[in-house]
């Protein structure tokens, strides 16, 4: 039995690698193929009546580790220089505005239609309002460099702001001046922890000479994130700061104390660190979406009672996104399509306190919105002209 499981996992992960290689040609995001493959394996196992252990508890663990690694991988690729100010500012504005407009709009709908308390509706709306960097970043890999950078910034910031917003509501029974004061204090504490931890990890990366050094660094990153989360601090800020710092250590070498790290020598180690991070991220992300597809209940996916709401929510999300893209003068094509829901949506939905859950937002609705958003992204990217052979130049203010 164990041998069969090992063979199956190897074959599935090799197929995931093939999907990753072929996505640039087919224009089909690999995560969609992974989810479909996982679902197909589930149907096959059900047909053969194979005994499969309950894997539901593994999904949040893989999802959390995957989120950390995906945000880290994305932030390692971002450049910090004056020419990036426009991308950073516009992606921040779009991430925050989209999160707030979508979540408050959905909360209002849940309140009017379902009669729920506005705060409960808002907490249930946030998972549907956050862009999944786990899907967006790899799906944007074949776009123009400036579009790819924008999607990386926007989706990573959407994850961070979404988690902060969700935790703020979950941890405060009432919203008042005191709750905002505590929120600002936690934010300041997390920034300080991030800077101290980043300097410590960078020091280790530059000084450790042992042949095993990158896995301990990654484990420490996950540990710091998890401990910070226990104290209800916005942990993803640390991941973003750490990735941006070591990914731009050469550009930051003029700052005080940075020369002590020997940036030129450290940069060679960072390139190796990026490579192993990318490989581990691929593995964890593939396992997560295969497992997610495997755990999909067909009755939830094809539930007609939620289908209408899922369609309206999806249309509303894209309407808000189109309005904001036009407002900040960003190109509709292809940025409009790349706003998937996925890993972070699932994690936040699973984190909803029992007393805050509402009937309108259930597993079936979450699944249908994720699938619809992924399909729109897939067809949008398939019709988008590759930047290598454009029919006409794209007017792009980025």
Foldseek 3Di string as FASTA:
>chain_A
DVVVVVVVLVVLLVVLVVLLVCCLPQLAQSLVVLLQLLLVVLVVCVVVVPDDDDCVVVQLVLLLLLLLLLLLLLLLPDEDDPVCPLLLVLLLCLLVQQQVVLLQVQLVVCCVVVVDDSLLSSLLRLLVRAFASLRLQSSCPQAPPSLNNSSSNNNLSNLLVSLLVNLLSVVDPDDDPVSVVVSVVLAVVLVVVLVVLLVVLLLQLLPDPDPDRLVVSSVVLSVQLVVSVVVVHSSSVSSNSNSNCLSHLVVVCVDPPSVVSVNVSSNVSVVVSSVVSVVVSSVSSSVNSSVNSNPDDPCLQPVPVLLVVLVVSLVVSLVSSVVSCVVSVFDVPPNSLSRARDSSSVNSVVVDDPVSDDPSNDPSSSVNNRVVSSVSSSVSSSPHDRPVDDPDDDDGPD
